Amino acid sequence: MPINGTTPRPLDVPRGLAGVVVTDTALGDVRGREGFYHYRQYSAVELAHSRGFEDVWHLMFYGELPDTARLAAFTARTAALRRLPEDVAAALPAIARACAGSGPLAGLRTALSLLGASAGLRPLYDIDADHRRTDALAACAAVPTLLTALYRLGRGLEPVEPRDDLPYAANYLHMLTGEEPDPERARAVERYLVSTVDHGFNASTFTARVIASTGADLAACLVGAVGALSGPLHGGAPSRALDTLDAIGTADRIDPWIRERILAGDRIMGFGHPVYRTEDPRSRMLRGIAEEFGGPLVDFAVQVEARVEAILAELKPGRELHTNVEFYAGVVMELCGLPRAMFTPTFAAARVVGWSANILEQAEDSKIIRPAARYTGPPPPQPVPAR
């Protein structure tokens, strides 16, 4: 903050802003040393076990869990927003063709931008809180429709229309597969979606808030968040973690495969987290869901987890490295029949609610986020050379 009208003195901070508090939030927090995270005042894992996606969506947007009547009204309101404007739906085949080599998440960036333009979304700076929330509800409801349509179009299939009678997760599976969703799988996916709605000031959430601080419209904020999420070091790891299990193949290959990668300095996808210094509570919950299904894939994943942690403890003593959310997320989504190309998009279908809640909160603060950088190039000013 400026002092007496003067420019504040730059402060050196850790690389990546690790541990730097940049604002206040009432939306939730991640306690890395405790292995705990929460949405507002409730444990996120407990919410995933006991509540549905719409409950948590309402909590994030309105600050309270809905009673039965409010939940019914909210569910009906958001279900009615799932259908896309005609001009947006008409453009999706071209977007899917253009993104054939990069997938639905890349297509979502373009589709969200088009959705915002089609809806005439105004800058957050120019509208009140109720208007902002209305825009956010519409965008969140549309994201699963956009993602599933882009996936199906990319494979020569017709999009499946959303159903108003299905809750968020079951409708997502229906639009993805075109089939009546299996209740057990739908509930497993819903628990995954609830567990990934929000997770502190991660890269994509912070990106959304930086853009919101400029007063831009909601779609612009969400497009930036999707771009950040697409990075392999952020949301792009669930399918890569499952690819690791495929690459290992059999139990007798676990130790040599893992040792070779660790000694080479390679990262083991699905392990480690920048905040947690104990087991990731999301991984613990998802492992439990996977074990409810059971089967060879789950048994192998549990075995790989145990050996990776043991080998890491041997080769890198003193470091706390455990499975993160991506490791068992991939297993659960595979068991629920989701194609690997939709693993990270499914993450986005949940996180869009957390992004939007953060955007709404940031929009209440008129201060633009504008940090400084340390210049390390050649000393200026130098003469401009003649041609």
Protein backbone atom coordinates (compact mmCIF):
# COMPACT_ATOMS: atom_id res chain seq x y z
CA MET A 1 0.00 0.00 0.00
CA PRO A 2 1.31 3.51 -0.75
CA ILE A 3 2.44 5.41 2.34
CA ASN A 4 1.72 9.15 2.37
CA GLY A 5 1.16 9.06 -1.37
CA THR A 6 4.53 7.47 -2.10
CA THR A 7 5.22 4.28 -4.01
CA PRO A 8 5.78 1.28 -1.67
CA ARG A 9 9.27 -0.15 -1.50
CA PRO A 10 9.53 -3.50 -3.35
CA LEU A 11 9.79 -6.56 -1.13
CA ASP A 12 11.68 -9.73 -1.96
CA VAL A 13 9.46 -12.83 -1.70
CA PRO A 14 10.06 -16.56 -2.23
CA ARG A 15 10.06 -17.95 -5.76
CA GLY A 16 6.57 -18.78 -6.91
CA LEU A 17 5.14 -16.61 -4.09
CA ALA A 18 5.29 -19.71 -1.87
CA GLY A 19 3.70 -18.92 1.50
CA VAL A 20 3.07 -15.26 0.63
CA VAL A 21 -0.33 -14.04 1.84
CA VAL A 22 -1.78 -11.83 -0.89
CA THR A 23 -5.32 -11.21 0.37
CA ASP A 24 -8.04 -12.26 2.80
CA THR A 25 -10.66 -14.83 1.80
CA ALA A 26 -13.78 -16.30 3.41
CA LEU A 27 -13.99 -19.15 0.91
CA GLY A 28 -11.64 -21.71 2.43
CA ASP A 29 -8.07 -22.67 3.20
CA VAL A 30 -5.49 -25.44 2.90
CA ARG A 31 -3.56 -26.45 6.01
CA GLY A 32 -0.63 -28.27 4.54
CA ARG A 33 1.01 -29.45 7.75
CA GLU A 34 -2.26 -30.83 9.09
CA GLY A 35 -3.38 -32.49 5.87
CA PHE A 36 -6.69 -30.64 6.00
CA TYR A 37 -8.62 -28.26 3.77
CA HIS A 38 -12.05 -26.70 4.01
CA TYR A 39 -14.75 -24.82 2.12
CA ARG A 40 -15.84 -21.91 4.30
CA GLN A 41 -16.28 -23.46 7.78
CA TYR A 42 -16.75 -27.08 6.66
CA SER A 43 -14.29 -29.88 5.98
CA ALA A 44 -14.18 -30.41 2.22
CA VAL A 45 -13.74 -34.16 2.65
CA GLU A 46 -16.72 -34.37 4.98
CA LEU A 47 -18.79 -32.42 2.47
CA ALA A 48 -17.74 -34.85 -0.26
CA HIS A 49 -18.91 -37.77 1.87
CA SER A 50 -22.22 -36.28 3.03
CA ARG A 51 -23.42 -33.68 0.53
CA GLY A 52 -24.10 -33.31 -3.17
CA PHE A 53 -22.41 -31.02 -5.65
CA GLU A 54 -25.26 -28.49 -5.70
CA ASP A 55 -25.05 -28.16 -1.89
CA VAL A 56 -21.40 -27.19 -2.12
CA TRP A 57 -21.98 -24.90 -5.10
CA HIS A 58 -24.61 -23.04 -3.05
CA LEU A 59 -22.23 -22.89 -0.09
CA MET A 60 -19.45 -21.34 -2.16
CA PHE A 61 -21.71 -18.76 -3.83
CA TYR A 62 -24.03 -17.83 -0.93
CA GLY A 63 -21.99 -18.66 2.16
CA GLU A 64 -24.31 -21.29 3.60
CA LEU A 65 -25.47 -24.83 3.00
CA PRO A 66 -29.04 -24.83 1.68
CA ASP A 67 -31.99 -26.41 3.43
CA THR A 68 -34.19 -28.80 1.47
CA ALA A 69 -36.37 -26.13 -0.10
CA ARG A 70 -33.48 -23.87 -1.08
CA LEU A 71 -31.54 -26.80 -2.49
CA ALA A 72 -34.48 -27.79 -4.69
CA ALA A 73 -34.85 -24.24 -5.96
CA PHE A 74 -31.11 -23.86 -6.58
CA THR A 75 -30.89 -27.22 -8.36
CA ALA A 76 -33.80 -26.31 -10.62
CA ARG A 77 -32.34 -22.88 -11.36
CA THR A 78 -28.90 -24.18 -12.30
CA ALA A 79 -30.28 -27.13 -14.29
CA ALA A 80 -32.26 -24.69 -16.44
CA LEU A 81 -28.99 -22.91 -17.33
CA ARG A 82 -27.28 -26.00 -18.82
CA ARG A 83 -28.49 -25.50 -22.39
CA LEU A 84 -26.24 -23.45 -24.63
CA PRO A 85 -27.25 -20.43 -26.72
CA GLU A 86 -27.91 -21.46 -30.34
CA ASP A 87 -25.01 -19.46 -31.75
CA VAL A 88 -22.57 -21.04 -29.27
CA ALA A 89 -23.85 -24.57 -29.94
CA ALA A 90 -23.60 -23.97 -33.69
CA ALA A 91 -19.92 -22.99 -33.37
CA LEU A 92 -18.84 -26.03 -31.33
CA PRO A 93 -18.22 -28.38 -34.31
CA ALA A 94 -15.70 -25.92 -35.75
CA ILE A 95 -14.05 -25.47 -32.37
CA ALA A 96 -13.83 -29.23 -31.91
CA ARG A 97 -12.23 -29.64 -35.35
CA ALA A 98 -9.71 -26.90 -34.66
CA CYS A 99 -8.81 -28.51 -31.32
CA ALA A 100 -8.67 -32.07 -32.61
CA GLY A 101 -5.03 -32.42 -31.62
CA SER A 102 -5.28 -30.68 -28.26
CA GLY A 103 -8.56 -31.82 -26.73
CA PRO A 104 -11.65 -30.45 -24.96
CA LEU A 105 -9.82 -28.31 -22.40
CA ALA A 106 -8.19 -26.28 -25.18
CA GLY A 107 -11.58 -26.01 -26.85
CA LEU A 108 -13.12 -24.81 -23.61
CA ARG A 109 -10.95 -21.68 -23.68
CA THR A 110 -12.42 -20.66 -27.02
CA ALA A 111 -15.95 -21.80 -26.16
CA LEU A 112 -16.00 -19.86 -22.89
CA SER A 113 -14.81 -16.74 -24.64
CA LEU A 114 -17.58 -17.16 -27.22
CA LEU A 115 -20.15 -17.85 -24.51
CA GLY A 116 -19.20 -14.63 -22.74
CA ALA A 117 -19.42 -12.61 -25.95
CA SER A 118 -22.73 -14.21 -26.92
CA ALA A 119 -24.23 -13.48 -23.51
CA GLY A 120 -22.96 -9.92 -23.61
CA LEU A 121 -21.15 -10.31 -20.30
CA ARG A 122 -20.19 -6.92 -18.97
CA PRO A 123 -17.05 -6.07 -17.01
CA LEU A 124 -17.25 -7.05 -13.37
CA TYR A 125 -16.32 -3.48 -12.52
CA ASP A 126 -19.52 -2.17 -14.13
CA ILE A 127 -22.12 -4.50 -12.55
CA ASP A 128 -23.39 -5.20 -9.05
CA ALA A 129 -22.91 -8.34 -6.97
CA ASP A 130 -26.24 -9.92 -7.95
CA HIS A 131 -25.49 -9.45 -11.65
CA ARG A 132 -22.03 -10.94 -11.22
CA ARG A 133 -23.46 -13.98 -9.44
CA THR A 134 -26.06 -14.46 -12.18
CA ASP A 135 -23.29 -14.46 -14.80
CA ALA A 136 -21.26 -16.92 -12.73
CA LEU A 137 -24.17 -19.34 -12.27
CA ALA A 138 -24.78 -19.40 -16.03
CA ALA A 139 -21.12 -19.99 -16.85
CA CYS A 140 -20.71 -22.77 -14.28
CA ALA A 141 -23.84 -24.54 -15.51
CA ALA A 142 -22.67 -24.34 -19.13
CA VAL A 143 -19.13 -25.70 -18.64
CA PRO A 144 -20.10 -29.42 -18.41
CA THR A 145 -22.26 -29.02 -21.53
CA LEU A 146 -19.40 -27.38 -23.41
CA LEU A 147 -16.83 -29.96 -22.35
CA THR A 148 -18.90 -33.04 -23.13
CA ALA A 149 -20.08 -31.62 -26.45
CA LEU A 150 -16.51 -30.82 -27.50
CA TYR A 151 -15.35 -34.31 -26.55
CA ARG A 152 -18.13 -36.06 -28.46
CA LEU A 153 -17.83 -33.83 -31.53
CA GLY A 154 -14.10 -34.50 -31.58
CA ARG A 155 -14.90 -38.20 -31.97
CA GLY A 156 -17.56 -37.83 -34.63
CA LEU A 157 -20.48 -38.15 -32.20
CA GLU A 158 -23.43 -35.83 -31.72
CA PRO A 159 -23.59 -33.87 -28.46
CA VAL A 160 -26.07 -35.13 -25.88
CA GLU A 161 -28.59 -32.62 -24.58
CA PRO A 162 -28.51 -31.96 -20.83
CA ARG A 163 -31.28 -33.31 -18.64
CA ASP A 164 -32.99 -31.15 -16.06
CA ASP A 165 -34.00 -34.15 -13.95
CA LEU A 166 -30.43 -35.24 -13.18
CA PRO A 167 -28.08 -33.65 -10.63
CA TYR A 168 -24.82 -32.08 -11.79
CA ALA A 169 -22.56 -35.15 -11.72
CA ALA A 170 -25.09 -37.63 -13.13
CA ASN A 171 -25.97 -35.20 -15.91
CA TYR A 172 -22.29 -34.81 -16.71
CA LEU A 173 -21.90 -38.57 -17.15
CA HIS A 174 -25.09 -38.70 -19.22
CA MET A 175 -23.89 -35.97 -21.59
CA LEU A 176 -20.49 -37.64 -21.87
CA THR A 177 -21.66 -41.20 -22.58
CA GLY A 178 -25.20 -40.77 -23.87
CA GLU A 179 -26.31 -43.48 -21.46
CA GLU A 180 -28.33 -43.60 -18.28
CA PRO A 181 -25.75 -42.96 -15.54
CA ASP A 182 -25.03 -45.78 -13.11
CA PRO A 183 -25.87 -44.46 -9.60
CA GLU A 184 -22.71 -45.85 -7.99
CA ARG A 185 -20.47 -44.33 -10.62
CA ALA A 186 -22.37 -41.04 -10.60
CA ARG A 187 -21.96 -40.76 -6.84
CA ALA A 188 -18.25 -41.58 -7.05
CA VAL A 189 -17.77 -38.87 -9.68
CA GLU A 190 -19.82 -36.46 -7.57
CA ARG A 191 -17.62 -37.05 -4.54
CA TYR A 192 -14.57 -36.41 -6.71
CA LEU A 193 -16.11 -33.21 -8.08
CA VAL A 194 -16.95 -31.94 -4.59
CA SER A 195 -13.43 -32.66 -3.38
CA THR A 196 -11.90 -30.54 -6.17
CA VAL A 197 -14.18 -27.48 -6.15
CA ASP A 198 -11.56 -25.30 -4.48
CA HIS A 199 -8.09 -25.64 -3.02
CA GLY A 200 -6.66 -22.38 -1.79
CA PHE A 201 -4.73 -19.94 -3.97
CA ASN A 202 -3.47 -22.43 -6.52
CA ALA A 203 -2.18 -21.18 -9.87
CA SER A 204 -5.48 -21.21 -11.75
CA THR A 205 -7.47 -19.64 -8.90
CA PHE A 206 -4.88 -16.91 -8.46
CA THR A 207 -4.89 -16.31 -12.22
CA ALA A 208 -8.67 -15.89 -12.16
CA ARG A 209 -8.41 -13.42 -9.30
CA VAL A 210 -5.66 -11.39 -10.98
CA ILE A 211 -7.85 -10.99 -14.06
CA ALA A 212 -10.90 -10.21 -11.90
CA SER A 213 -8.90 -7.47 -10.17
CA THR A 214 -8.74 -5.65 -13.51
CA GLY A 215 -12.54 -5.52 -13.62
CA ALA A 216 -12.73 -7.76 -16.72
CA ASP A 217 -15.84 -9.82 -17.44
CA LEU A 218 -16.37 -13.24 -15.87
CA ALA A 219 -15.63 -15.19 -19.05
CA ALA A 220 -12.22 -13.52 -19.38
CA CYS A 221 -11.39 -14.57 -15.82
CA LEU A 222 -12.45 -18.18 -16.45
CA VAL A 223 -10.52 -18.40 -19.74
CA GLY A 224 -7.35 -17.38 -17.90
CA ALA A 225 -8.00 -19.95 -15.18
CA VAL A 226 -8.49 -22.72 -17.74
CA GLY A 227 -5.21 -21.74 -19.36
CA ALA A 228 -3.39 -22.06 -16.05
CA LEU A 229 -5.09 -25.38 -15.29
CA SER A 230 -3.94 -26.86 -18.60
CA GLY A 231 -0.31 -26.96 -17.45
CA PRO A 232 1.01 -30.43 -16.55
CA LEU A 233 2.34 -29.10 -13.23
CA HIS A 234 -1.16 -28.03 -12.21
CA GLY A 235 -4.26 -29.88 -13.43
CA GLY A 236 -2.73 -31.86 -16.24
CA ALA A 237 -1.54 -34.82 -14.19
CA PRO A 238 -4.44 -37.29 -13.55
CA SER A 239 -4.03 -39.13 -16.83
CA ARG A 240 -0.23 -38.95 -16.53
CA ALA A 241 -0.41 -40.61 -13.11
CA LEU A 242 -2.46 -43.43 -14.63
CA ASP A 243 0.02 -43.63 -17.49
CA THR A 244 2.67 -44.31 -14.83
CA LEU A 245 0.76 -47.39 -13.68
CA ASP A 246 0.55 -48.54 -17.29
CA ALA A 247 4.27 -47.99 -17.83
CA ILE A 248 5.16 -50.03 -14.74
CA GLY A 249 2.82 -52.76 -15.86
CA THR A 250 3.41 -55.53 -13.32
CA ALA A 251 4.30 -55.82 -9.65
CA ASP A 252 7.82 -57.16 -10.32
CA ARG A 253 8.67 -53.99 -12.29
CA ILE A 254 7.64 -51.50 -9.58
CA ASP A 255 10.95 -51.24 -7.72
CA PRO A 256 13.35 -51.09 -10.69
CA TRP A 257 11.09 -48.68 -12.61
CA ILE A 258 10.68 -46.30 -9.67
CA ARG A 259 14.35 -46.44 -8.63
CA GLU A 260 15.50 -45.64 -12.15
CA ARG A 261 13.21 -42.60 -12.36
CA ILE A 262 14.10 -41.24 -8.93
CA LEU A 263 17.85 -41.66 -9.44
CA ALA A 264 17.53 -39.91 -12.80
CA GLY A 265 15.86 -36.97 -11.06
CA ASP A 266 12.55 -37.51 -12.85
CA ARG A 267 9.27 -36.52 -11.27
CA ILE A 268 6.87 -39.33 -10.38
CA MET A 269 3.48 -38.05 -11.52
CA GLY A 270 0.84 -38.28 -8.82
CA PHE A 271 3.30 -37.82 -5.94
CA GLY A 272 4.23 -34.71 -4.00
CA HIS A 273 2.42 -31.43 -3.43
CA PRO A 274 3.66 -27.84 -2.97
CA VAL A 275 1.55 -27.32 0.17
CA TYR A 276 0.92 -30.66 1.88
CA ARG A 277 3.65 -32.02 4.12
CA THR A 278 1.56 -35.03 5.03
CA GLU A 279 -0.88 -37.23 3.11
CA ASP A 280 -3.15 -35.29 0.75
CA PRO A 281 -6.65 -35.66 2.25
CA ARG A 282 -8.14 -35.76 -1.24
CA SER A 283 -5.94 -38.72 -2.13
CA ARG A 284 -6.94 -40.52 1.06
CA MET A 285 -10.63 -40.02 0.25
CA LEU A 286 -10.27 -41.06 -3.38
CA ARG A 287 -8.32 -44.16 -2.38
CA GLY A 288 -11.30 -45.10 -0.23
CA ILE A 289 -13.66 -44.62 -3.18
CA ALA A 290 -11.40 -46.73 -5.40
CA GLU A 291 -11.30 -49.48 -2.78
CA GLU A 292 -15.10 -49.52 -2.70
CA PHE A 293 -14.96 -50.57 -6.37
CA GLY A 294 -12.03 -52.91 -5.87
CA GLY A 295 -10.36 -54.92 -8.62
CA PRO A 296 -6.87 -55.44 -10.10
CA LEU A 297 -6.29 -51.77 -10.99
CA VAL A 298 -7.01 -50.64 -7.43
CA ASP A 299 -4.86 -53.38 -5.90
CA PHE A 300 -1.97 -52.46 -8.20
CA ALA A 301 -2.33 -48.73 -7.47
CA VAL A 302 -2.22 -49.35 -3.72
CA GLN A 303 0.85 -51.54 -4.16
CA VAL A 304 2.62 -48.93 -6.30
CA GLU A 305 1.79 -46.19 -3.79
CA ALA A 306 3.33 -48.18 -0.94
CA ARG A 307 6.51 -49.00 -2.85
CA VAL A 308 7.00 -45.47 -4.20
CA GLU A 309 6.73 -43.99 -0.71
CA ALA A 310 9.14 -46.61 0.67
CA ILE A 311 11.70 -46.05 -2.09
CA LEU A 312 11.41 -42.27 -1.79
CA ALA A 313 11.98 -42.56 1.96
CA GLU A 314 15.08 -44.64 1.29
CA LEU A 315 16.59 -42.53 -1.49
CA LYS A 316 15.42 -39.11 -0.29
CA PRO A 317 15.28 -39.39 3.52
CA GLY A 318 13.65 -36.57 5.38
CA ARG A 319 11.34 -35.60 2.52
CA GLU A 320 7.60 -36.09 2.96
CA LEU A 321 6.34 -37.22 -0.44
CA HIS A 322 2.93 -38.83 -0.66
CA THR A 323 0.29 -39.34 -3.34
CA ASN A 324 -1.55 -36.20 -4.35
CA VAL A 325 -5.10 -35.86 -5.67
CA GLU A 326 -4.13 -36.84 -9.22
CA PHE A 327 -2.94 -40.37 -8.40
CA TYR A 328 -6.22 -41.87 -7.23
CA ALA A 329 -8.34 -39.40 -9.20
CA GLY A 330 -7.14 -41.13 -12.35
CA VAL A 331 -7.97 -44.53 -10.88
CA VAL A 332 -11.48 -43.49 -9.82
CA MET A 333 -12.28 -41.85 -13.16
CA GLU A 334 -11.00 -44.89 -15.03
CA LEU A 335 -13.24 -47.14 -12.92
CA CYS A 336 -16.20 -44.86 -13.61
CA GLY A 337 -15.71 -45.15 -17.36
CA LEU A 338 -14.39 -41.67 -18.11
CA PRO A 339 -11.93 -41.49 -21.01
CA ARG A 340 -8.47 -40.23 -20.11
CA ALA A 341 -8.85 -37.26 -22.43
CA MET A 342 -11.59 -36.07 -20.06
CA PHE A 343 -9.72 -36.41 -16.77
CA THR A 344 -8.46 -32.84 -16.57
CA PRO A 345 -11.62 -31.41 -18.19
CA THR A 346 -13.62 -33.16 -15.46
CA PHE A 347 -11.41 -31.42 -12.90
CA ALA A 348 -12.32 -28.14 -14.64
CA ALA A 349 -16.03 -29.00 -14.46
CA ALA A 350 -15.68 -28.92 -10.67
CA ARG A 351 -13.10 -26.17 -10.23
CA VAL A 352 -15.13 -23.69 -12.31
CA VAL A 353 -17.34 -23.25 -9.23
CA GLY A 354 -14.34 -22.47 -7.03
CA TRP A 355 -12.87 -20.14 -9.62
CA SER A 356 -16.18 -18.30 -9.91
CA ALA A 357 -16.57 -17.96 -6.15
CA ASN A 358 -13.08 -16.47 -5.99
CA ILE A 359 -13.84 -14.15 -8.89
CA LEU A 360 -16.98 -12.91 -7.11
CA GLU A 361 -15.01 -12.32 -3.92
CA GLN A 362 -12.18 -10.53 -5.75
CA ALA A 363 -14.66 -8.29 -7.58
CA GLU A 364 -15.64 -6.76 -4.24
CA ASP A 365 -12.10 -5.30 -3.98
CA SER A 366 -11.38 -2.42 -6.36
CA LYS A 367 -7.58 -2.72 -5.99
CA ILE A 368 -5.83 -4.13 -9.07
CA ILE A 369 -3.23 -6.84 -8.43
CA ARG A 370 0.03 -5.41 -9.72
CA PRO A 371 3.25 -6.84 -8.22
CA ALA A 372 6.80 -5.79 -9.10
CA ALA A 373 9.75 -7.66 -10.63
CA ARG A 374 13.50 -7.36 -10.20
CA TYR A 375 15.29 -6.38 -13.42
CA THR A 376 18.37 -8.57 -14.11
CA GLY A 377 19.26 -7.60 -17.70
CA PRO A 378 22.10 -5.41 -19.00
CA PRO A 379 22.42 -2.13 -17.05
CA PRO A 380 20.44 0.73 -18.61
CA PRO A 381 20.48 3.21 -20.14
CA GLN A 382 22.81 2.26 -22.95
CA PRO A 383 23.18 4.08 -26.27
CA VAL A 384 20.96 2.77 -29.03
CA PRO A 385 23.40 1.49 -31.71
CA ALA A 386 23.36 2.95 -35.18
CA ARG A 387 22.17 0.69 -38.01
